[in-house]
């Protein structure tokens, strides 16, 4: 499918073979991607297809090392992606192929778009309610929880949960799945793995801290 799609879009013959030397890559990346070498009229590049859904923040972190350690342009091959992730990759100049939608190969000066945009909210930082949803799902082990169910569990409106799901979809969080017109949240059964995967998008609950020269005379709760 990979070869056929790229040849169909570029109208060029390409050669694709498996990349065998994964030992060049950091351990955190090995096993996370299907890796291939692609030859497009003499230009060799690495094609990295995520084995599982990977959050945008992790894609950003892992694409550059793959290019650096192999010495080749690294192209992310995505079968599932949203337009927020697409825009972020374009803004940062990260090559990608979004199967059935778009192809961006800056090292060949190629940008092709075949589908109209589906609007998702711009999200650079999750809301506190979305953070509460993530932590509740982690602690309680949510399995295929719908918008309606999540609203009842968190005692908020369905509209509020819809906005939370929109934020998670915009950030390409892997625990949100879409089936037909419904979205579901399913937490990882490995709580440690889920915690590590969401740490980078969590907000710091401490807004501001102050240093006191002496303990106030009034009775106040002390930390620690």
N, C-alpha and C. Protein backbone atom coordinates (compact mmCIF):
# COMPACT_ATOMS: atom_id res chain seq x y z
N UNK A 1 0.84 -1.21 0.00
CA UNK A 1 0.00 0.00 0.00
C UNK A 1 0.87 1.26 0.00
N UNK A 2 1.94 1.22 0.77
CA UNK A 2 2.86 2.36 0.85
C UNK A 2 3.41 2.72 -0.53
N UNK A 3 3.96 1.73 -1.22
CA UNK A 3 4.56 1.95 -2.54
C UNK A 3 3.52 2.43 -3.54
N UNK A 4 2.36 1.76 -3.54
CA UNK A 4 1.33 2.09 -4.51
C UNK A 4 0.82 3.51 -4.33
N UNK A 5 0.62 3.92 -3.07
CA UNK A 5 0.09 5.26 -2.82
C UNK A 5 1.08 6.33 -3.25
N UNK A 6 2.35 6.19 -2.90
CA UNK A 6 3.35 7.20 -3.25
C UNK A 6 3.53 7.28 -4.77
N UNK A 7 3.56 6.13 -5.44
CA UNK A 7 3.70 6.13 -6.91
C UNK A 7 2.48 6.78 -7.56
N UNK A 8 1.30 6.53 -7.02
CA UNK A 8 0.08 7.11 -7.58
C UNK A 8 0.09 8.63 -7.46
N UNK A 9 0.56 9.15 -6.31
CA UNK A 9 0.54 10.59 -6.08
C UNK A 9 1.66 11.28 -6.86
N UNK A 10 2.85 10.69 -6.85
CA UNK A 10 4.01 11.34 -7.48
C UNK A 10 4.10 11.07 -8.98
N UNK A 11 3.38 10.04 -9.44
CA UNK A 11 3.47 9.62 -10.85
C UNK A 11 4.92 9.29 -11.22
N UNK A 12 5.61 8.63 -10.28
CA UNK A 12 6.98 8.19 -10.50
C UNK A 12 7.13 6.78 -9.94
N UNK A 13 8.05 6.02 -10.52
CA UNK A 13 8.38 4.72 -9.97
C UNK A 13 9.29 4.91 -8.76
N UNK A 14 8.99 4.21 -7.69
CA UNK A 14 9.83 4.29 -6.49
C UNK A 14 10.21 2.88 -6.07
N UNK A 15 11.34 2.78 -5.44
CA UNK A 15 11.81 1.50 -4.91
C UNK A 15 11.79 1.58 -3.38
N UNK A 16 11.19 0.58 -2.74
CA UNK A 16 11.08 0.56 -1.29
C UNK A 16 11.57 -0.78 -0.76
N UNK A 17 12.48 -0.72 0.21
CA UNK A 17 12.98 -1.93 0.86
C UNK A 17 12.98 -1.70 2.37
N UNK A 18 12.95 -2.78 3.13
CA UNK A 18 12.95 -2.67 4.59
C UNK A 18 14.29 -2.12 5.07
N UNK A 19 14.22 -1.32 6.14
CA UNK A 19 15.44 -0.79 6.77
C UNK A 19 15.86 -1.76 7.86
N UNK A 20 17.06 -2.29 7.76
CA UNK A 20 17.48 -3.39 8.63
C UNK A 20 18.28 -2.95 9.85
N UNK A 21 18.90 -1.79 9.80
CA UNK A 21 19.87 -1.42 10.83
C UNK A 21 19.26 -0.54 11.92
N UNK A 22 18.25 -1.08 12.61
CA UNK A 22 17.59 -0.29 13.67
C UNK A 22 18.50 -0.06 14.86
N UNK A 23 19.62 -0.79 14.94
CA UNK A 23 20.55 -0.60 16.07
C UNK A 23 21.17 0.79 16.08
N UNK A 24 21.10 1.50 14.96
CA UNK A 24 21.61 2.87 14.91
C UNK A 24 20.74 3.83 15.70
N UNK A 25 19.50 3.41 15.98
CA UNK A 25 18.52 4.31 16.58
C UNK A 25 18.49 4.16 18.09
N UNK A 26 18.07 5.21 18.82
CA UNK A 26 17.92 5.11 20.28
C UNK A 26 16.92 4.02 20.65
N UNK A 27 17.12 3.42 21.83
CA UNK A 27 16.24 2.34 22.28
C UNK A 27 14.80 2.80 22.40
N UNK A 28 14.60 4.08 22.72
CA UNK A 28 13.24 4.61 22.87
C UNK A 28 12.47 4.63 21.56
N UNK A 29 13.20 4.52 20.44
CA UNK A 29 12.56 4.57 19.12
C UNK A 29 12.46 3.19 18.50
N UNK A 30 13.45 2.33 18.78
CA UNK A 30 13.44 0.99 18.20
C UNK A 30 12.14 0.27 18.54
N UNK A 31 11.52 -0.33 17.55
CA UNK A 31 10.29 -1.08 17.76
C UNK A 31 9.03 -0.25 17.72
N UNK A 32 9.17 1.09 17.65
CA UNK A 32 7.98 1.94 17.61
C UNK A 32 7.51 2.22 16.18
N UNK A 33 8.38 1.94 15.20
CA UNK A 33 8.05 2.25 13.81
C UNK A 33 8.42 1.09 12.90
N UNK A 34 7.66 0.94 11.81
CA UNK A 34 8.07 0.12 10.67
C UNK A 34 8.95 1.01 9.81
N UNK A 35 10.17 0.61 9.55
CA UNK A 35 11.11 1.47 8.83
C UNK A 35 11.43 0.89 7.45
N UNK A 36 11.40 1.75 6.46
CA UNK A 36 11.74 1.38 5.09
C UNK A 36 12.63 2.44 4.47
N UNK A 37 13.42 2.04 3.49
CA UNK A 37 14.17 2.97 2.66
C UNK A 37 13.43 3.14 1.35
N UNK A 38 13.27 4.38 0.92
CA UNK A 38 12.58 4.66 -0.34
C UNK A 38 13.55 5.38 -1.28
N UNK A 39 13.57 4.97 -2.52
CA UNK A 39 14.41 5.58 -3.55
C UNK A 39 13.49 6.24 -4.57
N UNK A 40 13.53 7.58 -4.60
CA UNK A 40 12.72 8.34 -5.55
C UNK A 40 13.67 9.01 -6.53
N UNK A 41 13.89 8.36 -7.65
CA UNK A 41 14.78 8.88 -8.69
C UNK A 41 16.14 9.28 -8.13
N UNK A 42 16.72 8.37 -7.34
CA UNK A 42 18.05 8.59 -6.81
C UNK A 42 18.11 9.25 -5.45
N UNK A 43 17.01 9.83 -4.98
CA UNK A 43 16.97 10.44 -3.64
C UNK A 43 16.50 9.38 -2.64
N UNK A 44 17.38 9.04 -1.69
CA UNK A 44 17.06 8.03 -0.70
C UNK A 44 16.54 8.72 0.57
N UNK A 45 15.47 8.17 1.13
CA UNK A 45 14.92 8.70 2.37
C UNK A 45 14.45 7.53 3.23
N UNK A 46 14.29 7.81 4.52
CA UNK A 46 13.77 6.83 5.46
C UNK A 46 12.28 7.06 5.64
N UNK A 47 11.48 6.01 5.49
CA UNK A 47 10.04 6.09 5.72
C UNK A 47 9.74 5.43 7.06
N UNK A 48 9.16 6.19 8.00
CA UNK A 48 8.86 5.68 9.34
C UNK A 48 7.35 5.63 9.54
N UNK A 49 6.81 4.42 9.68
CA UNK A 49 5.37 4.23 9.90
C UNK A 49 5.14 3.82 11.34
N UNK A 50 4.45 4.66 12.14
CA UNK A 50 4.20 4.28 13.55
C UNK A 50 3.45 2.96 13.63
N UNK A 51 3.93 2.06 14.51
CA UNK A 51 3.26 0.77 14.70
C UNK A 51 1.96 0.97 15.46
N UNK A 52 1.95 1.90 16.42
CA UNK A 52 0.75 2.26 17.15
C UNK A 52 0.56 3.77 17.05
N UNK A 53 -0.60 4.26 17.44
CA UNK A 53 -0.85 5.70 17.40
C UNK A 53 0.08 6.41 18.38
N UNK A 54 0.78 7.44 17.90
CA UNK A 54 1.78 8.15 18.69
C UNK A 54 1.36 9.61 18.80
N UNK A 55 1.38 10.19 20.02
CA UNK A 55 1.01 11.60 20.18
C UNK A 55 1.92 12.52 19.38
N UNK A 56 1.38 13.68 19.04
CA UNK A 56 2.12 14.66 18.25
C UNK A 56 3.43 15.05 18.92
N UNK A 57 3.40 15.29 20.24
CA UNK A 57 4.61 15.72 20.93
C UNK A 57 5.72 14.69 20.80
N UNK A 58 5.37 13.39 20.77
CA UNK A 58 6.36 12.32 20.64
C UNK A 58 6.84 12.22 19.20
N UNK A 59 5.94 12.39 18.23
CA UNK A 59 6.35 12.38 16.83
C UNK A 59 7.41 13.45 16.58
N UNK A 60 7.19 14.64 17.14
CA UNK A 60 8.15 15.73 16.97
C UNK A 60 9.52 15.34 17.53
N UNK A 61 9.51 14.73 18.71
CA UNK A 61 10.76 14.40 19.38
C UNK A 61 11.52 13.28 18.67
N UNK A 62 10.80 12.34 18.06
CA UNK A 62 11.44 11.15 17.53
C UNK A 62 11.83 11.28 16.06
N UNK A 63 11.18 12.17 15.32
CA UNK A 63 11.51 12.27 13.90
C UNK A 63 12.93 12.77 13.66
N UNK A 64 13.34 13.78 14.41
CA UNK A 64 14.68 14.34 14.20
C UNK A 64 15.79 13.33 14.50
N UNK A 65 15.75 12.60 15.63
CA UNK A 65 16.80 11.60 15.87
C UNK A 65 16.87 10.53 14.78
N UNK A 66 15.71 10.13 14.23
CA UNK A 66 15.74 9.13 13.16
C UNK A 66 16.49 9.65 11.94
N UNK A 67 16.30 10.93 11.62
CA UNK A 67 17.03 11.53 10.51
C UNK A 67 18.51 11.68 10.86
N UNK A 68 18.79 12.09 12.10
CA UNK A 68 20.17 12.36 12.50
C UNK A 68 21.00 11.07 12.55
N UNK A 69 20.46 10.01 13.16
CA UNK A 69 21.23 8.79 13.34
C UNK A 69 21.38 7.99 12.04
N UNK A 70 20.44 8.11 11.11
CA UNK A 70 20.55 7.39 9.83
C UNK A 70 21.22 8.22 8.75
N UNK A 71 21.28 9.55 8.95
CA UNK A 71 21.86 10.42 7.94
C UNK A 71 20.99 10.59 6.72
N UNK A 72 19.68 10.32 6.87
CA UNK A 72 18.75 10.40 5.75
C UNK A 72 17.55 11.28 6.12
N UNK A 73 16.92 11.92 5.12
CA UNK A 73 15.64 12.57 5.41
C UNK A 73 14.67 11.54 5.96
N UNK A 74 13.95 11.89 7.02
CA UNK A 74 13.00 10.95 7.64
C UNK A 74 11.58 11.41 7.37
N UNK A 75 10.82 10.57 6.70
CA UNK A 75 9.43 10.87 6.32
C UNK A 75 8.50 10.05 7.20
N UNK A 76 7.60 10.72 7.90
CA UNK A 76 6.59 10.02 8.69
C UNK A 76 5.46 9.57 7.77
N UNK A 77 5.14 8.27 7.79
CA UNK A 77 4.04 7.76 6.98
C UNK A 77 2.86 7.49 7.91
N UNK A 78 1.81 8.31 7.77
CA UNK A 78 0.67 8.28 8.70
C UNK A 78 -0.58 7.76 7.99
N UNK A 79 -1.20 6.74 8.56
CA UNK A 79 -2.49 6.29 8.03
C UNK A 79 -3.64 7.00 8.75
N UNK A 80 -3.40 7.42 10.00
CA UNK A 80 -4.39 8.19 10.77
C UNK A 80 -3.74 9.46 11.28
N UNK A 81 -4.37 10.59 11.03
CA UNK A 81 -3.84 11.87 11.48
C UNK A 81 -4.97 12.88 11.42
N UNK A 82 -4.82 14.01 12.09
CA UNK A 82 -5.80 15.08 11.97
C UNK A 82 -5.13 16.32 11.43
N UNK A 83 -5.94 17.35 11.13
CA UNK A 83 -5.39 18.53 10.47
C UNK A 83 -4.57 19.39 11.42
N UNK A 84 -4.81 19.30 12.70
CA UNK A 84 -3.96 20.04 13.65
C UNK A 84 -2.54 19.49 13.59
N UNK A 85 -2.42 18.15 13.62
CA UNK A 85 -1.11 17.53 13.52
C UNK A 85 -0.48 17.85 12.17
N UNK A 86 -1.28 17.79 11.11
CA UNK A 86 -0.77 18.12 9.77
C UNK A 86 -0.16 19.52 9.75
N UNK A 87 -0.88 20.50 10.30
CA UNK A 87 -0.40 21.88 10.30
C UNK A 87 0.89 22.02 11.11
N UNK A 88 0.96 21.31 12.24
CA UNK A 88 2.16 21.39 13.07
C UNK A 88 3.37 20.82 12.33
N UNK A 89 3.19 19.72 11.63
CA UNK A 89 4.29 19.12 10.87
C UNK A 89 4.73 20.04 9.73
N UNK A 90 3.76 20.66 9.07
CA UNK A 90 4.09 21.61 8.00
C UNK A 90 4.86 22.81 8.54
N UNK A 91 4.38 23.36 9.66
CA UNK A 91 5.02 24.54 10.25
C UNK A 91 6.47 24.26 10.63
N UNK A 92 6.73 23.03 11.07
CA UNK A 92 8.07 22.68 11.53
C UNK A 92 8.93 22.04 10.45
N UNK A 93 8.37 21.93 9.23
CA UNK A 93 9.15 21.38 8.12
C UNK A 93 9.44 19.90 8.24
N UNK A 94 8.57 19.15 8.91
CA UNK A 94 8.77 17.71 9.09
C UNK A 94 8.10 16.96 7.93
N UNK A 95 8.87 16.22 7.14
CA UNK A 95 8.29 15.50 5.99
C UNK A 95 7.29 14.44 6.45
N UNK A 96 6.21 14.29 5.69
CA UNK A 96 5.23 13.27 6.02
C UNK A 96 4.44 12.86 4.79
N UNK A 97 3.87 11.68 4.87
CA UNK A 97 2.87 11.21 3.91
C UNK A 97 1.65 10.84 4.73
N UNK A 98 0.53 11.48 4.47
CA UNK A 98 -0.74 11.16 5.13
C UNK A 98 -1.56 10.40 4.11
N UNK A 99 -1.64 9.11 4.29
CA UNK A 99 -2.24 8.24 3.29
C UNK A 99 -3.66 8.67 2.94
N UNK A 100 -3.90 8.89 1.66
CA UNK A 100 -5.22 9.27 1.19
C UNK A 100 -5.52 10.75 1.29
N UNK A 101 -4.56 11.54 1.84
CA UNK A 101 -4.83 12.95 2.07
C UNK A 101 -3.76 13.88 1.50
N UNK A 102 -2.51 13.68 1.94
CA UNK A 102 -1.51 14.68 1.61
C UNK A 102 -0.11 14.08 1.65
N UNK A 103 0.77 14.71 0.89
CA UNK A 103 2.16 14.30 0.83
C UNK A 103 3.03 15.55 0.90
N UNK A 104 3.99 15.56 1.82
CA UNK A 104 4.88 16.72 2.01
C UNK A 104 6.32 16.21 2.09
N UNK A 105 7.08 16.46 1.04
CA UNK A 105 8.48 16.04 0.97
C UNK A 105 9.33 17.27 0.64
N UNK A 106 9.68 18.07 1.65
CA UNK A 106 10.40 19.32 1.38
C UNK A 106 11.75 19.11 0.73
N UNK A 107 12.41 17.97 0.98
CA UNK A 107 13.71 17.72 0.38
C UNK A 107 13.61 17.47 -1.13
N UNK A 108 12.36 17.25 -1.61
CA UNK A 108 12.10 17.16 -3.06
C UNK A 108 11.26 18.32 -3.55
N UNK A 109 10.99 19.29 -2.66
CA UNK A 109 10.14 20.45 -2.98
C UNK A 109 8.75 20.00 -3.43
N UNK A 110 8.18 19.04 -2.71
CA UNK A 110 6.87 18.49 -3.07
C UNK A 110 5.89 18.71 -1.93
N UNK A 111 4.73 19.30 -2.25
CA UNK A 111 3.61 19.44 -1.33
C UNK A 111 2.34 19.24 -2.11
N UNK A 112 1.64 18.14 -1.85
CA UNK A 112 0.40 17.83 -2.56
C UNK A 112 -0.70 17.60 -1.55
N UNK A 113 -1.86 18.22 -1.77
CA UNK A 113 -3.01 18.12 -0.87
C UNK A 113 -4.21 17.68 -1.68
N UNK A 114 -4.87 16.59 -1.26
CA UNK A 114 -5.97 16.05 -2.04
C UNK A 114 -7.31 16.10 -1.32
N UNK A 115 -7.34 16.58 -0.07
CA UNK A 115 -8.59 16.59 0.69
C UNK A 115 -8.82 17.95 1.34
N UNK A 116 -10.09 18.27 1.56
CA UNK A 116 -10.45 19.49 2.26
C UNK A 116 -10.21 19.33 3.76
N UNK A 117 -9.98 20.44 4.39
CA UNK A 117 -9.66 20.46 5.81
C UNK A 117 -10.90 20.25 6.68
N UNK A 118 -10.75 19.40 7.70
CA UNK A 118 -11.75 19.29 8.76
C UNK A 118 -11.27 20.15 9.93
N UNK A 119 -12.09 21.09 10.36
CA UNK A 119 -11.65 22.05 11.36
C UNK A 119 -11.61 21.43 12.76
N UNK A 120 -10.46 21.58 13.41
CA UNK A 120 -10.31 21.23 14.81
C UNK A 120 -9.77 22.46 15.55
N UNK A 121 -10.06 22.60 16.80
CA UNK A 121 -9.58 23.79 17.52
C UNK A 121 -8.06 23.81 17.62
N UNK A 122 -7.49 25.00 17.59
CA UNK A 122 -6.06 25.13 17.85
C UNK A 122 -5.82 24.84 19.32
N UNK A 123 -4.88 23.97 19.61
CA UNK A 123 -4.65 23.56 20.99
C UNK A 123 -3.15 23.48 21.24
N UNK A 124 -2.64 24.43 22.01
CA UNK A 124 -1.24 24.41 22.39
C UNK A 124 -1.07 23.97 23.84
N UNK A 125 -2.15 24.07 24.61
CA UNK A 125 -2.11 23.63 26.01
C UNK A 125 -3.49 23.14 26.40
N UNK A 126 -3.54 21.97 27.03
CA UNK A 126 -4.85 21.41 27.38
C UNK A 126 -5.47 22.20 28.53
N UNK A 127 -6.80 22.15 28.62
CA UNK A 127 -7.50 22.82 29.71
C UNK A 127 -7.36 21.98 30.98
N UNK A 128 -7.68 22.59 32.10
CA UNK A 128 -7.62 21.84 33.36
C UNK A 128 -8.65 20.72 33.39
N UNK A 129 -9.81 20.94 32.74
CA UNK A 129 -10.82 19.87 32.70
C UNK A 129 -10.31 18.69 31.89
N UNK A 130 -9.63 18.95 30.78
CA UNK A 130 -9.05 17.86 29.99
C UNK A 130 -7.99 17.12 30.80
N UNK A 131 -7.22 17.88 31.59
CA UNK A 131 -6.23 17.23 32.45
C UNK A 131 -6.92 16.35 33.49
N UNK A 132 -8.02 16.86 34.06
CA UNK A 132 -8.77 16.05 35.03
C UNK A 132 -9.31 14.78 34.36
N UNK A 133 -9.77 14.91 33.12
CA UNK A 133 -10.28 13.75 32.38
C UNK A 133 -9.18 12.72 32.20
N UNK A 134 -7.98 13.18 31.78
CA UNK A 134 -6.87 12.24 31.56
C UNK A 134 -6.49 11.51 32.84
N UNK A 135 -6.39 12.26 33.93
CA UNK A 135 -5.99 11.64 35.19
C UNK A 135 -7.08 10.71 35.73
N UNK A 136 -8.34 11.11 35.57
CA UNK A 136 -9.44 10.24 36.02
C UNK A 136 -9.45 8.94 35.21
N UNK A 137 -9.25 9.07 33.90
CA UNK A 137 -9.21 7.89 33.04
C UNK A 137 -8.06 6.98 33.43
N UNK A 138 -6.91 7.58 33.77
CA UNK A 138 -5.74 6.81 34.18
C UNK A 138 -6.00 6.05 35.47
N UNK A 139 -6.47 6.77 36.49
CA UNK A 139 -6.68 6.15 37.81
C UNK A 139 -7.81 5.12 37.79
N UNK A 140 -8.89 5.42 37.05
CA UNK A 140 -10.08 4.57 37.07
C UNK A 140 -10.08 3.52 35.97
N UNK A 141 -9.09 3.57 35.07
CA UNK A 141 -8.99 2.55 34.02
C UNK A 141 -10.15 2.57 33.04
N UNK A 142 -10.50 3.76 32.54
CA UNK A 142 -11.62 3.86 31.60
C UNK A 142 -11.42 2.94 30.40
N UNK A 143 -12.51 2.29 30.00
CA UNK A 143 -12.48 1.44 28.82
C UNK A 143 -13.66 1.78 27.91
N UNK A 144 -13.33 2.33 26.75
CA UNK A 144 -14.32 2.69 25.73
C UNK A 144 -15.42 3.57 26.32
N UNK A 145 -15.01 4.65 26.96
CA UNK A 145 -15.94 5.59 27.60
C UNK A 145 -16.37 6.65 26.58
N UNK A 146 -17.67 6.83 26.43
CA UNK A 146 -18.20 7.80 25.48
C UNK A 146 -18.26 9.19 26.09
N UNK A 147 -18.63 10.17 25.28
CA UNK A 147 -18.80 11.54 25.76
C UNK A 147 -19.84 11.57 26.88
N UNK A 148 -20.96 10.91 26.65
CA UNK A 148 -22.04 10.90 27.65
C UNK A 148 -21.59 10.27 28.96
N UNK A 149 -20.89 9.14 28.87
CA UNK A 149 -20.42 8.46 30.07
C UNK A 149 -19.38 9.30 30.81
N UNK A 150 -18.47 9.93 30.05
CA UNK A 150 -17.44 10.76 30.67
C UNK A 150 -18.07 11.95 31.38
N UNK A 151 -19.11 12.53 30.79
CA UNK A 151 -19.79 13.67 31.41
C UNK A 151 -20.40 13.27 32.75
N UNK A 152 -20.97 12.08 32.83
CA UNK A 152 -21.54 11.60 34.09
C UNK A 152 -20.45 11.32 35.12
N UNK A 153 -19.35 10.73 34.66
CA UNK A 153 -18.27 10.38 35.59
C UNK A 153 -17.61 11.62 36.19
N UNK A 154 -17.53 12.70 35.40
CA UNK A 154 -16.88 13.93 35.87
C UNK A 154 -17.89 14.98 36.34
N UNK A 155 -19.18 14.66 36.20
CA UNK A 155 -20.25 15.55 36.66
C UNK A 155 -20.18 16.92 35.96
N UNK A 156 -20.01 16.89 34.65
CA UNK A 156 -20.00 18.11 33.84
C UNK A 156 -20.91 17.88 32.63
N UNK A 157 -21.06 18.91 31.81
CA UNK A 157 -21.94 18.79 30.65
C UNK A 157 -21.26 18.02 29.52
N UNK A 158 -22.08 17.47 28.63
CA UNK A 158 -21.55 16.76 27.47
C UNK A 158 -20.78 17.71 26.55
N UNK A 159 -21.21 18.97 26.47
CA UNK A 159 -20.50 19.95 25.66
C UNK A 159 -19.07 20.15 26.18
N UNK A 160 -18.91 20.17 27.50
CA UNK A 160 -17.57 20.33 28.08
C UNK A 160 -16.68 19.15 27.72
N UNK A 161 -17.23 17.95 27.79
CA UNK A 161 -16.45 16.76 27.44
C UNK A 161 -16.14 16.73 25.95
N UNK A 162 -17.09 17.19 25.14
CA UNK A 162 -16.83 17.27 23.69
C UNK A 162 -15.62 18.15 23.41
N UNK A 163 -15.52 19.29 24.13
CA UNK A 163 -14.35 20.17 23.96
C UNK A 163 -13.07 19.47 24.41
N UNK A 164 -13.18 18.69 25.49
CA UNK A 164 -12.01 17.93 25.95
C UNK A 164 -11.57 16.93 24.89
N UNK A 165 -12.53 16.21 24.32
CA UNK A 165 -12.20 15.23 23.28
C UNK A 165 -11.61 15.92 22.06
N UNK A 166 -12.12 17.13 21.73
CA UNK A 166 -11.55 17.88 20.61
C UNK A 166 -10.08 18.21 20.86
N UNK A 167 -9.77 18.61 22.09
CA UNK A 167 -8.38 18.93 22.44
C UNK A 167 -7.50 17.68 22.30
N UNK A 168 -7.99 16.55 22.80
CA UNK A 168 -7.21 15.32 22.73
C UNK A 168 -7.03 14.86 21.29
N UNK A 169 -8.06 15.04 20.47
CA UNK A 169 -7.93 14.67 19.06
C UNK A 169 -6.95 15.58 18.35
N UNK A 170 -7.01 16.89 18.67
CA UNK A 170 -6.09 17.84 18.04
C UNK A 170 -4.64 17.52 18.38
N UNK A 171 -4.40 17.02 19.59
CA UNK A 171 -3.05 16.68 20.02
C UNK A 171 -2.67 15.24 19.68
N UNK A 172 -3.57 14.53 19.00
CA UNK A 172 -3.30 13.16 18.54
C UNK A 172 -3.00 12.22 19.70
N UNK A 173 -3.75 12.36 20.79
CA UNK A 173 -3.56 11.49 21.94
C UNK A 173 -4.05 10.08 21.59
N UNK A 174 -3.23 9.05 21.81
CA UNK A 174 -3.55 7.71 21.29
C UNK A 174 -4.68 6.99 21.99
N UNK A 175 -5.20 7.53 23.09
CA UNK A 175 -6.23 6.82 23.84
C UNK A 175 -7.64 7.19 23.39
N UNK A 176 -7.73 8.10 22.45
CA UNK A 176 -9.03 8.49 21.90
C UNK A 176 -9.22 7.80 20.56
N UNK A 177 -10.27 7.00 20.45
CA UNK A 177 -10.55 6.29 19.20
C UNK A 177 -11.85 6.79 18.60
N UNK A 178 -11.97 6.66 17.29
CA UNK A 178 -13.14 7.14 16.56
C UNK A 178 -13.73 5.98 15.77
N UNK A 179 -14.99 5.69 16.00
CA UNK A 179 -15.70 4.66 15.26
C UNK A 179 -16.98 5.28 14.71
N UNK A 180 -17.02 5.35 13.38
CA UNK A 180 -18.11 6.04 12.69
C UNK A 180 -18.18 7.48 13.21
N UNK A 181 -19.27 7.87 13.85
CA UNK A 181 -19.38 9.25 14.34
C UNK A 181 -19.16 9.35 15.85
N UNK A 182 -18.81 8.26 16.48
CA UNK A 182 -18.64 8.26 17.94
C UNK A 182 -17.17 8.23 18.31
N UNK A 183 -16.85 8.89 19.43
CA UNK A 183 -15.49 8.88 19.96
C UNK A 183 -15.49 8.23 21.33
N UNK A 184 -14.44 7.46 21.60
CA UNK A 184 -14.34 6.73 22.84
C UNK A 184 -12.96 6.96 23.46
N UNK A 185 -12.92 6.98 24.78
CA UNK A 185 -11.64 7.06 25.48
C UNK A 185 -11.37 5.73 26.15
N UNK A 186 -10.21 5.16 25.84
CA UNK A 186 -9.80 3.89 26.44
C UNK A 186 -8.41 4.06 27.01
N UNK A 187 -8.28 3.93 28.32
CA UNK A 187 -6.99 4.10 28.98
C UNK A 187 -6.11 2.89 28.77
N UNK A 188 -4.82 3.12 28.80
CA UNK A 188 -3.84 2.03 28.71
C UNK A 188 -3.91 1.21 29.99
N UNK A 189 -3.91 -0.11 29.85
CA UNK A 189 -3.92 -0.96 31.04
C UNK A 189 -2.59 -0.87 31.80
N UNK A 190 -1.55 -0.45 31.10
CA UNK A 190 -0.25 -0.20 31.74
C UNK A 190 -0.25 1.26 32.21
N UNK A 191 -0.56 1.49 33.47
CA UNK A 191 -0.72 2.85 33.97
C UNK A 191 0.59 3.64 33.89
N UNK A 192 1.70 3.00 34.13
CA UNK A 192 2.99 3.69 34.07
C UNK A 192 3.27 4.17 32.64
N UNK A 193 2.99 3.31 31.67
CA UNK A 193 3.22 3.68 30.27
C UNK A 193 2.33 4.85 29.86
N UNK A 194 1.06 4.83 30.31
CA UNK A 194 0.16 5.92 29.99
C UNK A 194 0.62 7.21 30.65
N UNK A 195 1.03 7.13 31.91
CA UNK A 195 1.50 8.32 32.62
C UNK A 195 2.69 8.94 31.89
N UNK A 196 3.63 8.12 31.45
CA UNK A 196 4.81 8.62 30.75
C UNK A 196 4.44 9.25 29.40
N UNK A 197 3.42 8.71 28.75
CA UNK A 197 3.05 9.21 27.43
C UNK A 197 2.30 10.54 27.48
N UNK A 198 1.64 10.84 28.63
CA UNK A 198 0.88 12.09 28.70
C UNK A 198 1.59 13.19 29.49
N UNK A 199 2.72 12.86 30.10
CA UNK A 199 3.41 13.83 30.96
C UNK A 199 3.71 15.15 30.24
N UNK A 200 4.12 15.06 28.99
CA UNK A 200 4.56 16.25 28.27
C UNK A 200 3.44 17.25 28.01
N UNK A 201 2.18 16.81 28.05
CA UNK A 201 1.08 17.74 27.77
C UNK A 201 0.35 18.19 29.04
N UNK A 202 0.73 17.64 30.19
CA UNK A 202 0.04 18.00 31.43
C UNK A 202 0.46 19.38 31.90
N UNK A 203 -0.48 20.09 32.50
CA UNK A 203 -0.20 21.43 33.01
C UNK A 203 0.30 21.35 34.44
N UNK A 204 1.15 22.30 34.80
CA UNK A 204 1.63 22.41 36.17
C UNK A 204 0.54 23.08 37.01
N UNK A 205 0.02 22.42 38.04
CA UNK A 205 -1.06 23.03 38.85
C UNK A 205 -0.59 24.20 39.69
N UNK A 206 0.72 24.39 39.83
CA UNK A 206 1.26 25.51 40.61
C UNK A 206 1.34 26.74 39.71
N UNK A 207 0.50 27.73 39.96
CA UNK A 207 0.47 28.93 39.13
C UNK A 207 1.60 29.89 39.48
N UNK A 208 1.89 30.03 40.77
CA UNK A 208 2.94 30.95 41.19
C UNK A 208 3.38 30.56 42.60
N UNK A 209 4.65 30.76 42.90
CA UNK A 209 5.15 30.47 44.24
C UNK A 209 5.87 31.69 44.80
N UNK A 210 5.83 31.81 46.10
CA UNK A 210 6.44 32.96 46.77
C UNK A 210 7.36 32.46 47.88
N UNK A 211 8.48 33.14 48.08
CA UNK A 211 9.40 32.81 49.17
C UNK A 211 9.15 33.76 50.34
N UNK A 212 8.98 33.21 51.55
CA UNK A 212 8.73 34.01 52.74
C UNK A 212 9.98 34.01 53.63
N UNK A 213 10.31 35.17 54.18
CA UNK A 213 11.48 35.28 55.05
C UNK A 213 11.24 34.61 56.39
N UNK A 214 10.00 34.60 56.82
CA UNK A 214 9.68 33.99 58.12
C UNK A 214 8.27 33.42 58.07
N UNK A 215 8.00 32.48 58.96
CA UNK A 215 6.67 31.89 59.03
C UNK A 215 5.67 32.92 59.54
N UNK A 216 4.57 33.13 58.82
CA UNK A 216 3.57 34.10 59.28
C UNK A 216 2.98 33.71 60.63
N UNK A 217 2.54 34.68 61.37
CA UNK A 217 1.98 34.42 62.71
C UNK A 217 0.60 33.75 62.61
N UNK A 218 -0.09 34.02 61.51
CA UNK A 218 -1.41 33.41 61.36
C UNK A 218 -1.26 31.91 61.08
N UNK A 219 -2.33 31.18 61.42
CA UNK A 219 -2.32 29.75 61.19
C UNK A 219 -2.63 29.43 59.73
N UNK A 220 -1.69 28.87 59.05
CA UNK A 220 -1.90 28.47 57.66
C UNK A 220 -1.39 27.05 57.48
N UNK A 221 -1.99 26.29 56.53
CA UNK A 221 -1.50 24.91 56.30
C UNK A 221 -0.10 24.93 55.69
N UNK A 222 0.75 24.04 56.12
CA UNK A 222 2.11 23.95 55.63
C UNK A 222 2.26 22.72 54.73
N UNK A 223 3.07 22.87 53.70
CA UNK A 223 3.31 21.74 52.80
C UNK A 223 4.40 20.85 53.36
N UNK A 224 4.57 19.67 52.73
CA UNK A 224 5.66 18.80 53.11
C UNK A 224 5.28 17.86 54.25
